[in-house]
């Protein structure tokens, strides 16, 4: 007959062994949870960044529509309107239609069909704000009031700067775009 060994009552894992294994497992689980949280925050950040870029693109398209509609005599949008509120005087009256400083972004353009003006409507885009800066640029071959010393020609070049701020958590991020637009009449 074979001898069957009896189980030693002292064999197996000790309480300390089990506690160490639980701590190691807990560290691994916490590291995995931290990685998942970081991935979620990063994905939300990319989503907000893409939204900011879309707002910039839509705003730039609206600004370009104001410039292009200036070629149509039946439309009230024209080159003089391509400026911030209180700028671009024509006949002593400011013609600029784009908001100054930082403002919340609305989802829809207003009756003028241009984003970034005072009549924008719809729901606010939460956590998104926009600033449009339109600056007259001196054209050396046709000096205007934007030049030093001021000239007598009309302004034919403007710098358009759009900044959109968004938040990832509590940290503010800003996307920027700028371009030059010209208003040269075809001769």
Protein backbone atom coordinates (compact mmCIF):
# COMPACT_ATOMS: atom_id res chain seq x y z
CA UNK A 1 0.00 0.00 0.00
CA UNK A 2 0.96 3.47 -0.61
CA UNK A 3 1.52 5.99 2.04
CA UNK A 4 -0.81 8.92 1.68
CA UNK A 5 0.59 12.05 3.20
CA UNK A 6 -1.68 13.91 5.41
CA UNK A 7 -2.14 17.63 4.68
CA UNK A 8 -0.10 19.81 6.91
CA UNK A 9 -2.37 22.16 8.77
CA UNK A 10 0.33 24.85 8.50
CA UNK A 11 0.66 24.66 4.69
CA UNK A 12 -0.91 27.21 2.26
CA UNK A 13 -0.87 31.00 2.03
CA UNK A 14 -0.35 33.12 5.04
CA UNK A 15 -2.39 36.20 5.82
CA UNK A 16 0.59 38.40 4.87
CA UNK A 17 0.90 36.66 1.48
CA UNK A 18 -2.76 37.34 0.71
CA UNK A 19 -2.48 41.00 1.76
CA UNK A 20 0.59 41.54 -0.46
CA UNK A 21 -1.21 39.94 -3.41
CA UNK A 22 -4.25 42.19 -2.83
CA UNK A 23 -2.05 45.32 -2.70
CA UNK A 24 -0.30 44.34 -5.94
CA UNK A 25 -3.64 43.70 -7.62
CA UNK A 26 -5.02 47.01 -6.30
CA UNK A 27 -2.03 48.95 -7.69
CA UNK A 28 -2.62 47.37 -11.10
CA UNK A 29 -6.35 48.16 -11.04
CA UNK A 30 -5.69 51.78 -9.99
CA UNK A 31 -3.11 52.21 -12.76
CA UNK A 32 -5.61 50.87 -15.29
CA UNK A 33 -8.32 53.24 -14.01
CA UNK A 34 -5.92 56.21 -14.24
CA UNK A 35 -5.06 55.27 -17.84
CA UNK A 36 -8.74 55.01 -18.76
CA UNK A 37 -9.48 58.40 -17.14
CA UNK A 38 -6.57 60.02 -19.00
CA UNK A 39 -7.80 58.55 -22.29
CA UNK A 40 -11.33 59.90 -21.69
CA UNK A 41 -9.98 63.39 -20.90
CA UNK A 42 -7.74 63.28 -23.98
CA UNK A 43 -10.65 62.21 -26.19
CA UNK A 44 -12.81 65.04 -24.79
CA UNK A 45 -9.93 67.43 -25.44
CA UNK A 46 -9.69 66.35 -29.08
CA UNK A 47 -13.45 66.75 -29.43
CA UNK A 48 -13.29 70.30 -28.03
CA UNK A 49 -10.30 71.15 -30.23
CA UNK A 50 -12.14 69.94 -33.35
CA UNK A 51 -15.20 71.95 -32.35
CA UNK A 52 -13.03 75.06 -31.92
CA UNK A 53 -11.53 74.53 -35.38
CA UNK A 54 -15.03 74.15 -36.87
CA UNK A 55 -16.12 77.41 -35.20
CA UNK A 56 -13.06 79.16 -36.67
CA UNK A 57 -13.79 77.76 -40.15
CA UNK A 58 -17.47 78.76 -40.02
CA UNK A 59 -16.59 82.23 -38.78
CA UNK A 60 -13.98 82.70 -41.50
CA UNK A 61 -16.50 81.59 -44.14
CA UNK A 62 -18.97 84.17 -42.80
CA UNK A 63 -16.36 86.89 -42.93
CA UNK A 64 -15.46 85.96 -46.50
CA UNK A 65 -19.14 86.03 -47.47
CA UNK A 66 -19.32 89.64 -46.29
CA UNK A 67 -16.33 90.49 -48.48
CA UNK A 68 -17.65 88.62 -51.51
CA UNK A 69 -21.20 89.92 -51.24
CA UNK A 70 -19.76 93.41 -51.57
CA UNK A 71 -19.57 92.80 -55.32
CA UNK A 72 -23.38 92.52 -55.49
CA UNK A 73 -25.07 95.96 -55.48
CA UNK A 74 -28.35 94.49 -54.17
CA UNK A 75 -26.75 93.23 -50.94
CA UNK A 76 -26.19 95.38 -47.86
CA UNK A 77 -23.06 93.43 -46.87
CA UNK A 78 -19.95 94.98 -48.35
CA UNK A 79 -16.25 95.75 -47.76
CA UNK A 80 -16.99 98.54 -45.29
CA UNK A 81 -18.90 96.05 -43.09
CA UNK A 82 -15.81 93.86 -42.85
CA UNK A 83 -14.69 95.24 -39.49
CA UNK A 84 -15.39 95.23 -35.79
CA UNK A 85 -18.34 97.20 -34.42
CA UNK A 86 -17.41 100.88 -34.20
CA UNK A 87 -14.86 100.73 -37.05
CA UNK A 88 -14.79 101.39 -40.80
CA UNK A 89 -16.44 104.78 -40.98
CA UNK A 90 -18.32 105.57 -44.14
CA UNK A 91 -20.10 108.92 -44.29
CA UNK A 92 -19.31 109.43 -40.58
CA UNK A 93 -21.13 106.22 -39.59
CA UNK A 94 -19.27 103.12 -38.35
CA UNK A 95 -19.99 100.18 -40.67
CA UNK A 96 -18.21 97.23 -38.98
CA UNK A 97 -20.58 94.39 -38.02
CA UNK A 98 -18.36 91.91 -36.13
CA UNK A 99 -18.39 91.78 -32.32
CA UNK A 100 -15.43 93.13 -30.34
CA UNK A 101 -13.70 91.20 -27.55
CA UNK A 102 -14.57 87.69 -26.29
CA UNK A 103 -18.16 86.47 -26.62
CA UNK A 104 -19.93 83.16 -26.24
CA UNK A 105 -20.57 81.43 -29.53
CA UNK A 106 -24.14 80.95 -30.66
CA UNK A 107 -25.09 77.93 -32.79
CA UNK A 108 -26.84 79.80 -35.61
CA UNK A 109 -26.26 83.04 -37.50
CA UNK A 110 -28.97 85.67 -37.27
CA UNK A 111 -30.93 87.33 -40.08
CA UNK A 112 -27.75 88.57 -41.75
CA UNK A 113 -26.54 84.91 -42.14
CA UNK A 114 -23.10 85.80 -40.79
CA UNK A 115 -21.60 84.21 -37.67
CA UNK A 116 -19.88 86.50 -35.19
CA UNK A 117 -22.28 89.44 -35.45
CA UNK A 118 -24.64 90.85 -32.84
CA UNK A 119 -27.73 89.12 -34.25
CA UNK A 120 -26.48 85.51 -33.88
CA UNK A 121 -29.13 83.27 -32.34
CA UNK A 122 -29.84 79.78 -31.10
CA UNK A 123 -28.35 78.00 -28.13
CA UNK A 124 -24.97 78.97 -26.71
CA UNK A 125 -22.10 76.57 -27.31
CA UNK A 126 -21.16 75.87 -23.71
CA UNK A 127 -17.52 76.32 -22.82
CA UNK A 128 -16.69 77.95 -26.17
CA UNK A 129 -15.98 81.65 -26.68
CA UNK A 130 -14.73 83.55 -29.71
CA UNK A 131 -12.90 86.77 -30.49
CA UNK A 132 -12.73 88.35 -33.94
CA UNK A 133 -10.11 91.02 -34.55
CA UNK A 134 -10.14 92.86 -37.86
CA UNK A 135 -7.28 95.29 -38.45
CA UNK A 136 -6.70 97.63 -41.39
CA UNK A 137 -3.25 97.08 -42.92
CA UNK A 138 -1.17 99.70 -44.66
CA UNK A 139 -0.63 98.97 -48.34
CA UNK A 140 2.62 100.76 -49.31
CA UNK A 141 1.65 101.10 -52.98
CA UNK A 142 -1.70 102.74 -52.03
CA UNK A 143 -1.26 104.50 -48.63
CA UNK A 144 -4.52 104.71 -46.65
CA UNK A 145 -5.56 106.03 -43.27
CA UNK A 146 -4.00 102.86 -41.78
CA UNK A 147 -0.53 104.02 -42.85
CA UNK A 148 1.98 106.19 -41.04
CA UNK A 149 1.80 108.88 -42.30
CA UNK A 150 -1.85 108.48 -43.34
CA UNK A 151 -2.59 108.44 -47.06
CA UNK A 152 -5.65 109.33 -49.08
CA UNK A 153 -6.43 105.95 -50.64
CA UNK A 154 -9.12 103.61 -49.35
CA UNK A 155 -8.11 100.66 -47.17
CA UNK A 156 -7.59 97.65 -49.43
CA UNK A 157 -6.02 95.11 -47.05
CA UNK A 158 -7.34 93.84 -43.72
CA UNK A 159 -5.94 91.29 -41.29
CA UNK A 160 -8.57 88.88 -39.95
CA UNK A 161 -7.71 87.12 -36.67
CA UNK A 162 -10.08 84.64 -35.05
CA UNK A 163 -9.44 83.09 -31.66
CA UNK A 164 -11.63 80.43 -30.09
CA UNK A 165 -11.15 79.46 -26.44
CA UNK A 166 -12.32 76.14 -25.01
CA UNK A 167 -11.70 74.20 -21.83
CA UNK A 168 -10.35 70.75 -21.15
CA UNK A 169 -11.17 70.22 -17.51
CA UNK A 170 -10.35 73.56 -15.94
CA UNK A 171 -7.51 74.44 -18.33
CA UNK A 172 -8.25 76.97 -21.08
CA UNK A 173 -6.91 76.29 -24.57
CA UNK A 174 -7.03 78.67 -27.54
CA UNK A 175 -7.13 77.86 -31.25
CA UNK A 176 -6.12 80.70 -33.60
CA UNK A 177 -6.36 81.43 -37.30
CA UNK A 178 -5.57 84.50 -39.32
CA UNK A 179 -5.58 85.60 -42.91
CA UNK A 180 -5.26 88.70 -45.04
CA UNK A 181 -8.15 89.81 -47.23
CA UNK A 182 -7.95 92.37 -50.00
CA UNK A 183 -10.42 94.59 -51.73
CA UNK A 184 -8.98 95.51 -55.09
CA UNK A 185 -11.48 96.66 -57.66
CA UNK A 186 -11.23 95.04 -61.08
CA UNK A 187 -10.27 97.60 -63.66
